[in-house]
Amino acid sequence: MVWFVVSLVMIFTVVYLLSKLIKPRDPANKPDEIHFHQRVNKAENPEIMPYAMFAIGPTKEPCSRHADLRARIYLAGDPVFQDNPVRLDAYCKCRIRKVTEFELKKMEASGVQDSLATVLMSDKGLPTGRREKKLIPLEKAWDE
């Protein structure tokens, strides 16, 4: 019984001391809901991110619906994204990746990492989760 009382006193003491050390949050520093919506709208803004592409997810078997679309880039409002929705079944881990003008120029110069490249194995013969570095050329889906 004595140990129980002593442990309770110690717990309350620690909580009291921590409450004195931790300063309460200032409501003026709290991020605004408007700020959050501005960040979301910035990502959705086609002037900032005018391009998009399919990124194949990390699965053992590649998604058959999006595998042939992996190195092709589209304009952000292209109907191909409505025609080929992502994650309709449990085997699709693909996503739509927004791309800026700077990223597009960089990808055109170097290429895109092939998400279907062979998986690298460790010394023990186990998969590492990383893929072989294999760059494939980027394909534009619109006429310039």
N, C-alpha and C. Protein backbone atom coordinates (compact mmCIF):
# COMPACT_ATOMS: atom_id res chain seq x y z
N MET A 1 0.82 -1.19 0.00
CA MET A 1 0.00 0.00 0.00
C MET A 1 0.87 1.26 0.00
N VAL A 2 1.95 1.22 0.75
CA VAL A 2 2.85 2.37 0.85
C VAL A 2 3.49 2.65 -0.51
N TRP A 3 3.89 1.56 -1.20
CA TRP A 3 4.50 1.73 -2.51
C TRP A 3 3.52 2.35 -3.50
N PHE A 4 2.27 2.00 -3.38
CA PHE A 4 1.25 2.56 -4.27
C PHE A 4 1.12 4.07 -4.06
N VAL A 5 1.08 4.49 -2.81
CA VAL A 5 0.95 5.92 -2.49
C VAL A 5 2.20 6.66 -2.95
N VAL A 6 3.38 6.08 -2.72
CA VAL A 6 4.63 6.71 -3.11
C VAL A 6 4.69 6.85 -4.64
N SER A 7 4.29 5.81 -5.35
CA SER A 7 4.32 5.89 -6.82
C SER A 7 3.33 6.93 -7.34
N LEU A 8 2.16 7.04 -6.71
CA LEU A 8 1.19 8.07 -7.12
C LEU A 8 1.75 9.47 -6.90
N VAL A 9 2.38 9.68 -5.77
CA VAL A 9 2.97 10.99 -5.47
C VAL A 9 4.05 11.32 -6.48
N MET A 10 4.87 10.32 -6.83
CA MET A 10 5.93 10.55 -7.81
C MET A 10 5.35 10.89 -9.18
N ILE A 11 4.30 10.19 -9.58
CA ILE A 11 3.68 10.45 -10.88
C ILE A 11 3.11 11.86 -10.92
N PHE A 12 2.39 12.25 -9.88
CA PHE A 12 1.81 13.59 -9.85
C PHE A 12 2.89 14.67 -9.82
N THR A 13 3.99 14.39 -9.15
CA THR A 13 5.10 15.34 -9.12
C THR A 13 5.71 15.52 -10.51
N VAL A 14 5.92 14.42 -11.20
CA VAL A 14 6.48 14.49 -12.55
C VAL A 14 5.54 15.24 -13.48
N VAL A 15 4.25 14.94 -13.40
CA VAL A 15 3.27 15.62 -14.26
C VAL A 15 3.24 17.11 -13.95
N TYR A 16 3.31 17.47 -12.66
CA TYR A 16 3.30 18.88 -12.29
C TYR A 16 4.54 19.60 -12.82
N LEU A 17 5.71 18.97 -12.67
CA LEU A 17 6.94 19.60 -13.15
C LEU A 17 6.95 19.73 -14.67
N LEU A 18 6.46 18.71 -15.36
CA LEU A 18 6.40 18.79 -16.82
C LEU A 18 5.43 19.87 -17.28
N SER A 19 4.33 20.03 -16.56
CA SER A 19 3.37 21.08 -16.95
C SER A 19 3.97 22.47 -16.78
N LYS A 20 4.89 22.62 -15.82
CA LYS A 20 5.55 23.92 -15.65
C LYS A 20 6.62 24.14 -16.71
N LEU A 21 7.27 23.07 -17.17
CA LEU A 21 8.32 23.20 -18.17
C LEU A 21 7.76 23.42 -19.58
N ILE A 22 6.67 22.76 -19.88
CA ILE A 22 6.09 22.85 -21.22
C ILE A 22 5.21 24.08 -21.29
N LYS A 23 5.54 24.94 -22.22
CA LYS A 23 4.76 26.17 -22.37
C LYS A 23 3.50 25.87 -23.18
N PRO A 24 2.40 26.48 -22.82
CA PRO A 24 1.18 26.27 -23.61
C PRO A 24 1.32 26.87 -25.00
N ARG A 25 0.62 26.28 -25.95
CA ARG A 25 0.69 26.77 -27.33
C ARG A 25 0.02 28.13 -27.47
N ASP A 26 0.67 28.98 -28.17
CA ASP A 26 0.12 30.31 -28.43
C ASP A 26 -0.85 30.21 -29.60
N PRO A 27 -2.10 30.60 -29.42
CA PRO A 27 -3.06 30.49 -30.53
C PRO A 27 -2.68 31.35 -31.73
N ALA A 28 -1.85 32.37 -31.53
CA ALA A 28 -1.43 33.21 -32.65
C ALA A 28 -0.49 32.47 -33.58
N ASN A 29 0.25 31.47 -33.08
CA ASN A 29 1.19 30.70 -33.90
C ASN A 29 0.55 29.49 -34.56
N LYS A 30 -0.70 29.24 -34.27
CA LYS A 30 -1.40 28.09 -34.83
C LYS A 30 -1.62 28.31 -36.33
N PRO A 31 -1.28 27.32 -37.17
CA PRO A 31 -1.49 27.52 -38.61
C PRO A 31 -2.97 27.68 -38.93
N ASP A 32 -3.24 28.60 -39.79
CA ASP A 32 -4.61 28.90 -40.17
C ASP A 32 -5.19 27.82 -41.06
N GLU A 33 -6.47 27.68 -41.01
CA GLU A 33 -7.15 26.78 -41.94
C GLU A 33 -7.02 27.34 -43.35
N ILE A 34 -6.99 28.65 -43.46
CA ILE A 34 -6.84 29.28 -44.77
C ILE A 34 -5.47 28.94 -45.35
N HIS A 35 -4.43 28.93 -44.51
CA HIS A 35 -3.09 28.59 -44.97
C HIS A 35 -3.06 27.17 -45.52
N PHE A 36 -3.73 26.23 -44.85
CA PHE A 36 -3.79 24.85 -45.32
C PHE A 36 -4.45 24.78 -46.69
N HIS A 37 -5.56 25.48 -46.86
CA HIS A 37 -6.25 25.47 -48.15
C HIS A 37 -5.42 26.15 -49.24
N GLN A 38 -4.63 27.14 -48.88
CA GLN A 38 -3.75 27.76 -49.86
C GLN A 38 -2.71 26.77 -50.36
N ARG A 39 -2.17 25.93 -49.45
CA ARG A 39 -1.19 24.92 -49.87
C ARG A 39 -1.84 23.87 -50.76
N VAL A 40 -3.06 23.45 -50.43
CA VAL A 40 -3.76 22.47 -51.25
C VAL A 40 -4.07 23.07 -52.62
N ASN A 41 -4.55 24.29 -52.65
CA ASN A 41 -4.86 24.94 -53.93
C ASN A 41 -3.60 25.15 -54.76
N LYS A 42 -2.47 25.38 -54.11
CA LYS A 42 -1.22 25.56 -54.84
C LYS A 42 -0.85 24.27 -55.57
N ALA A 43 -1.06 23.12 -54.93
CA ALA A 43 -0.75 21.84 -55.56
C ALA A 43 -1.73 21.52 -56.68
N GLU A 44 -2.95 22.02 -56.58
CA GLU A 44 -3.95 21.77 -57.61
C GLU A 44 -3.90 22.79 -58.74
N ASN A 45 -3.15 23.84 -58.57
CA ASN A 45 -3.10 24.92 -59.55
C ASN A 45 -2.33 24.47 -60.80
N PRO A 46 -2.99 24.46 -61.98
CA PRO A 46 -2.29 24.02 -63.18
C PRO A 46 -1.22 24.99 -63.67
N GLU A 47 -1.21 26.22 -63.17
CA GLU A 47 -0.15 27.15 -63.56
C GLU A 47 1.16 26.81 -62.84
N ILE A 48 1.06 26.26 -61.63
CA ILE A 48 2.25 25.91 -60.86
C ILE A 48 2.74 24.51 -61.23
N MET A 49 1.82 23.57 -61.30
CA MET A 49 2.15 22.18 -61.67
C MET A 49 1.32 21.81 -62.89
N PRO A 50 1.78 22.17 -64.10
CA PRO A 50 0.96 21.99 -65.29
C PRO A 50 0.97 20.57 -65.86
N TYR A 51 1.80 19.69 -65.34
CA TYR A 51 1.92 18.35 -65.91
C TYR A 51 1.67 17.31 -64.83
N ALA A 52 1.35 16.10 -65.27
CA ALA A 52 1.14 14.99 -64.35
C ALA A 52 1.52 13.69 -65.05
N MET A 53 1.84 12.68 -64.23
CA MET A 53 2.19 11.38 -64.78
C MET A 53 1.80 10.29 -63.80
N PHE A 54 1.70 9.07 -64.27
CA PHE A 54 1.40 7.94 -63.41
C PHE A 54 2.69 7.43 -62.78
N ALA A 55 2.67 7.22 -61.48
CA ALA A 55 3.81 6.63 -60.77
C ALA A 55 3.37 5.25 -60.31
N ILE A 56 4.10 4.24 -60.74
CA ILE A 56 3.75 2.86 -60.41
C ILE A 56 4.15 2.59 -58.96
N GLY A 57 3.25 1.97 -58.22
CA GLY A 57 3.47 1.70 -56.81
C GLY A 57 4.38 0.52 -56.55
N PRO A 58 4.83 0.36 -55.30
CA PRO A 58 5.74 -0.73 -54.96
C PRO A 58 4.98 -2.05 -54.72
N THR A 59 4.81 -2.83 -55.76
CA THR A 59 4.15 -4.13 -55.65
C THR A 59 5.02 -5.20 -56.28
N LYS A 60 4.79 -6.46 -55.90
CA LYS A 60 5.56 -7.55 -56.50
C LYS A 60 5.19 -7.71 -57.97
N GLU A 61 3.91 -7.69 -58.25
CA GLU A 61 3.43 -7.76 -59.62
C GLU A 61 3.02 -6.35 -60.04
N PRO A 62 3.53 -5.85 -61.16
CA PRO A 62 3.18 -4.48 -61.57
C PRO A 62 1.71 -4.38 -61.97
N CYS A 63 1.16 -3.23 -61.78
CA CYS A 63 -0.24 -2.96 -62.13
C CYS A 63 -0.38 -3.03 -63.65
N SER A 64 -1.22 -3.91 -64.14
CA SER A 64 -1.35 -4.08 -65.59
C SER A 64 -2.04 -2.88 -66.25
N ARG A 65 -2.86 -2.16 -65.50
CA ARG A 65 -3.59 -1.03 -66.06
C ARG A 65 -2.67 0.16 -66.33
N HIS A 66 -1.66 0.37 -65.47
CA HIS A 66 -0.83 1.57 -65.57
C HIS A 66 0.62 1.29 -65.99
N ALA A 67 0.99 0.04 -66.19
CA ALA A 67 2.38 -0.29 -66.49
C ALA A 67 2.86 0.34 -67.80
N ASP A 68 2.01 0.38 -68.82
CA ASP A 68 2.43 0.95 -70.10
C ASP A 68 2.35 2.47 -70.12
N LEU A 69 1.80 3.09 -69.06
CA LEU A 69 1.70 4.56 -68.99
C LEU A 69 2.79 5.17 -68.10
N ARG A 70 3.76 4.39 -67.66
CA ARG A 70 4.69 4.82 -66.62
C ARG A 70 5.70 5.87 -67.05
N ALA A 71 6.09 5.93 -68.30
CA ALA A 71 7.11 6.89 -68.73
C ALA A 71 6.51 7.96 -69.64
N ARG A 72 5.23 8.17 -69.52
CA ARG A 72 4.54 9.16 -70.34
C ARG A 72 4.03 10.28 -69.45
N ILE A 73 4.21 11.51 -69.90
CA ILE A 73 3.76 12.67 -69.13
C ILE A 73 2.62 13.34 -69.88
N TYR A 74 1.64 13.81 -69.12
CA TYR A 74 0.43 14.39 -69.68
C TYR A 74 0.23 15.80 -69.14
N LEU A 75 -0.60 16.57 -69.81
CA LEU A 75 -1.04 17.85 -69.26
C LEU A 75 -1.95 17.54 -68.07
N ALA A 76 -1.97 18.42 -67.08
CA ALA A 76 -2.67 18.12 -65.82
C ALA A 76 -4.15 17.85 -66.01
N GLY A 77 -4.80 18.46 -66.97
CA GLY A 77 -6.23 18.26 -67.15
C GLY A 77 -6.59 17.19 -68.17
N ASP A 78 -5.65 16.35 -68.54
CA ASP A 78 -5.87 15.34 -69.57
C ASP A 78 -6.92 14.31 -69.11
N PRO A 79 -7.83 13.90 -70.00
CA PRO A 79 -8.86 12.92 -69.61
C PRO A 79 -8.32 11.52 -69.36
N VAL A 80 -7.05 11.27 -69.63
CA VAL A 80 -6.49 9.93 -69.38
C VAL A 80 -6.54 9.59 -67.88
N PHE A 81 -6.53 10.58 -67.02
CA PHE A 81 -6.59 10.31 -65.59
C PHE A 81 -7.98 9.89 -65.14
N GLN A 82 -9.02 10.33 -65.86
CA GLN A 82 -10.36 9.85 -65.56
C GLN A 82 -10.60 8.48 -66.21
N ASP A 83 -9.98 8.25 -67.36
CA ASP A 83 -10.14 6.97 -68.05
C ASP A 83 -9.38 5.84 -67.36
N ASN A 84 -8.29 6.15 -66.67
CA ASN A 84 -7.46 5.16 -65.98
C ASN A 84 -7.32 5.52 -64.51
N PRO A 85 -8.38 5.38 -63.72
CA PRO A 85 -8.28 5.76 -62.31
C PRO A 85 -7.32 4.84 -61.55
N VAL A 86 -6.73 5.39 -60.50
CA VAL A 86 -5.78 4.62 -59.71
C VAL A 86 -6.47 3.99 -58.51
N ARG A 87 -5.90 2.89 -58.03
CA ARG A 87 -6.33 2.18 -56.83
C ARG A 87 -7.77 1.70 -56.87
N LEU A 88 -8.16 1.14 -58.00
CA LEU A 88 -9.49 0.56 -58.08
C LEU A 88 -9.55 -0.81 -57.43
N ASP A 89 -8.43 -1.50 -57.36
CA ASP A 89 -8.40 -2.80 -56.71
C ASP A 89 -7.21 -2.87 -55.76
N ALA A 90 -7.09 -3.98 -55.06
CA ALA A 90 -6.05 -4.12 -54.05
C ALA A 90 -4.65 -4.25 -54.66
N TYR A 91 -4.57 -4.59 -55.93
CA TYR A 91 -3.26 -4.80 -56.56
C TYR A 91 -2.67 -3.53 -57.14
N CYS A 92 -3.44 -2.48 -57.25
CA CYS A 92 -2.96 -1.22 -57.82
C CYS A 92 -2.51 -0.29 -56.69
N LYS A 93 -1.22 0.02 -56.66
CA LYS A 93 -0.66 0.97 -55.69
C LYS A 93 -0.14 2.21 -56.41
N CYS A 94 -0.63 2.43 -57.61
CA CYS A 94 -0.18 3.56 -58.42
C CYS A 94 -0.73 4.87 -57.87
N ARG A 95 -0.12 5.97 -58.30
CA ARG A 95 -0.60 7.29 -57.92
C ARG A 95 -0.36 8.25 -59.07
N ILE A 96 -0.99 9.40 -58.99
CA ILE A 96 -0.80 10.44 -60.00
C ILE A 96 0.17 11.44 -59.41
N ARG A 97 1.27 11.66 -60.10
CA ARG A 97 2.32 12.56 -59.62
C ARG A 97 2.28 13.85 -60.42
N LYS A 98 2.15 14.97 -59.72
CA LYS A 98 2.17 16.29 -60.36
C LYS A 98 3.62 16.67 -60.66
N VAL A 99 3.84 17.36 -61.77
CA VAL A 99 5.18 17.69 -62.21
C VAL A 99 5.24 19.17 -62.58
N THR A 100 6.29 19.84 -62.13
CA THR A 100 6.49 21.25 -62.47
C THR A 100 7.26 21.36 -63.79
N GLU A 101 7.35 22.57 -64.28
CA GLU A 101 8.10 22.84 -65.52
C GLU A 101 9.58 22.49 -65.34
N PHE A 102 10.16 22.83 -64.19
CA PHE A 102 11.56 22.53 -63.90
C PHE A 102 11.80 21.02 -63.89
N GLU A 103 10.90 20.28 -63.22
CA GLU A 103 11.05 18.82 -63.18
C GLU A 103 10.94 18.20 -64.57
N LEU A 104 10.05 18.75 -65.39
CA LEU A 104 9.89 18.23 -66.75
C LEU A 104 11.19 18.39 -67.54
N LYS A 105 11.81 19.56 -67.46
CA LYS A 105 13.07 19.77 -68.17
C LYS A 105 14.16 18.82 -67.68
N LYS A 106 14.20 18.61 -66.38
CA LYS A 106 15.18 17.71 -65.79
C LYS A 106 14.94 16.26 -66.24
N MET A 107 13.67 15.84 -66.27
CA MET A 107 13.34 14.48 -66.70
C MET A 107 13.59 14.28 -68.19
N GLU A 108 13.36 15.32 -68.97
CA GLU A 108 13.63 15.21 -70.42
C GLU A 108 15.11 15.02 -70.67
N ALA A 109 15.95 15.68 -69.88
CA ALA A 109 17.39 15.58 -70.08
C ALA A 109 17.95 14.23 -69.63
N SER A 110 17.47 13.73 -68.50
CA SER A 110 18.08 12.51 -67.94
C SER A 110 17.24 11.26 -68.16
N GLY A 111 15.93 11.38 -68.25
CA GLY A 111 15.06 10.21 -68.34
C GLY A 111 14.35 9.98 -67.01
N VAL A 112 13.56 8.92 -66.97
CA VAL A 112 12.76 8.60 -65.80
C VAL A 112 13.19 7.23 -65.27
N GLN A 113 13.26 7.10 -63.97
CA GLN A 113 13.59 5.80 -63.37
C GLN A 113 12.50 4.80 -63.72
N ASP A 114 12.89 3.66 -64.26
CA ASP A 114 11.93 2.62 -64.62
C ASP A 114 11.45 1.92 -63.35
N SER A 115 10.17 2.04 -63.06
CA SER A 115 9.62 1.45 -61.84
C SER A 115 9.42 -0.06 -61.98
N LEU A 116 9.65 -0.61 -63.16
CA LEU A 116 9.54 -2.05 -63.36
C LEU A 116 10.91 -2.72 -63.52
N ALA A 117 11.98 -2.00 -63.18
CA ALA A 117 13.33 -2.58 -63.25
C ALA A 117 13.45 -3.71 -62.23
N THR A 118 14.45 -4.55 -62.41
CA THR A 118 14.59 -5.70 -61.52
C THR A 118 14.95 -5.26 -60.11
N VAL A 119 14.43 -6.00 -59.14
CA VAL A 119 14.67 -5.70 -57.73
C VAL A 119 16.08 -6.18 -57.37
N LEU A 120 16.83 -5.35 -56.66
CA LEU A 120 18.18 -5.71 -56.23
C LEU A 120 18.11 -6.68 -55.06
N MET A 121 19.04 -7.62 -55.04
CA MET A 121 19.08 -8.63 -53.98
C MET A 121 20.26 -8.36 -53.05
N SER A 122 20.11 -8.74 -51.80
CA SER A 122 21.19 -8.58 -50.83
C SER A 122 22.19 -9.72 -50.98
N ASP A 123 23.23 -9.70 -50.15
CA ASP A 123 24.24 -10.76 -50.20
C ASP A 123 23.65 -12.12 -49.83
N LYS A 124 22.59 -12.10 -49.03
CA LYS A 124 21.95 -13.35 -48.60
C LYS A 124 20.89 -13.82 -49.58
N GLY A 125 20.69 -13.10 -50.66
CA GLY A 125 19.70 -13.48 -51.66
C GLY A 125 18.30 -12.99 -51.38
N LEU A 126 18.15 -12.07 -50.45
CA LEU A 126 16.84 -11.52 -50.12
C LEU A 126 16.63 -10.20 -50.84
N PRO A 127 15.38 -9.90 -51.23
CA PRO A 127 15.14 -8.62 -51.91
C PRO A 127 15.37 -7.44 -50.97
N THR A 128 16.02 -6.40 -51.49
CA THR A 128 16.34 -5.23 -50.67
C THR A 128 15.22 -4.19 -50.68
N GLY A 129 14.32 -4.28 -51.65
CA GLY A 129 13.28 -3.27 -51.77
C GLY A 129 13.67 -2.15 -52.71
N ARG A 130 14.90 -2.16 -53.17
CA ARG A 130 15.38 -1.16 -54.13
C ARG A 130 15.45 -1.79 -55.51
N ARG A 131 15.33 -0.94 -56.50
CA ARG A 131 15.36 -1.43 -57.88
C ARG A 131 16.64 -0.98 -58.58
N GLU A 132 17.00 -1.72 -59.60
CA GLU A 132 18.17 -1.40 -60.40
C GLU A 132 17.99 -0.02 -61.02
N LYS A 133 19.05 0.76 -61.08
CA LYS A 133 19.00 2.11 -61.66
C LYS A 133 18.92 1.96 -63.18
N LYS A 134 17.72 2.20 -63.70
CA LYS A 134 17.50 2.06 -65.14
C LYS A 134 16.63 3.23 -65.58
N LEU A 135 17.22 4.13 -66.36
CA LEU A 135 16.50 5.31 -66.83
C LEU A 135 15.92 5.04 -68.21
N ILE A 136 14.66 5.39 -68.38
CA ILE A 136 14.00 5.25 -69.68
C ILE A 136 13.60 6.64 -70.17
N PRO A 137 13.57 6.85 -71.48
CA PRO A 137 13.25 8.19 -71.98
C PRO A 137 11.79 8.58 -71.69
N LEU A 138 11.62 9.85 -71.43
CA LEU A 138 10.29 10.40 -71.15
C LEU A 138 9.56 10.66 -72.44
N GLU A 139 8.28 10.35 -72.45
CA GLU A 139 7.45 10.52 -73.64
C GLU A 139 6.37 11.56 -73.36
N LYS A 140 6.23 12.57 -74.17
CA LYS A 140 5.17 13.56 -74.01
C LYS A 140 3.92 13.07 -74.72
N ALA A 141 2.77 13.27 -74.09
CA ALA A 141 1.52 12.79 -74.65
C ALA A 141 0.76 13.89 -75.40
N TRP A 142 1.39 15.00 -75.67
CA TRP A 142 0.74 16.08 -76.41
C TRP A 142 1.66 16.59 -77.49
N ASP A 143 1.07 17.27 -78.43
CA ASP A 143 1.84 17.86 -79.53
C ASP A 143 2.23 19.28 -79.15
N GLU A 144 3.47 19.65 -79.49
CA GLU A 144 3.93 21.00 -79.15
C GLU A 144 3.81 21.92 -80.33
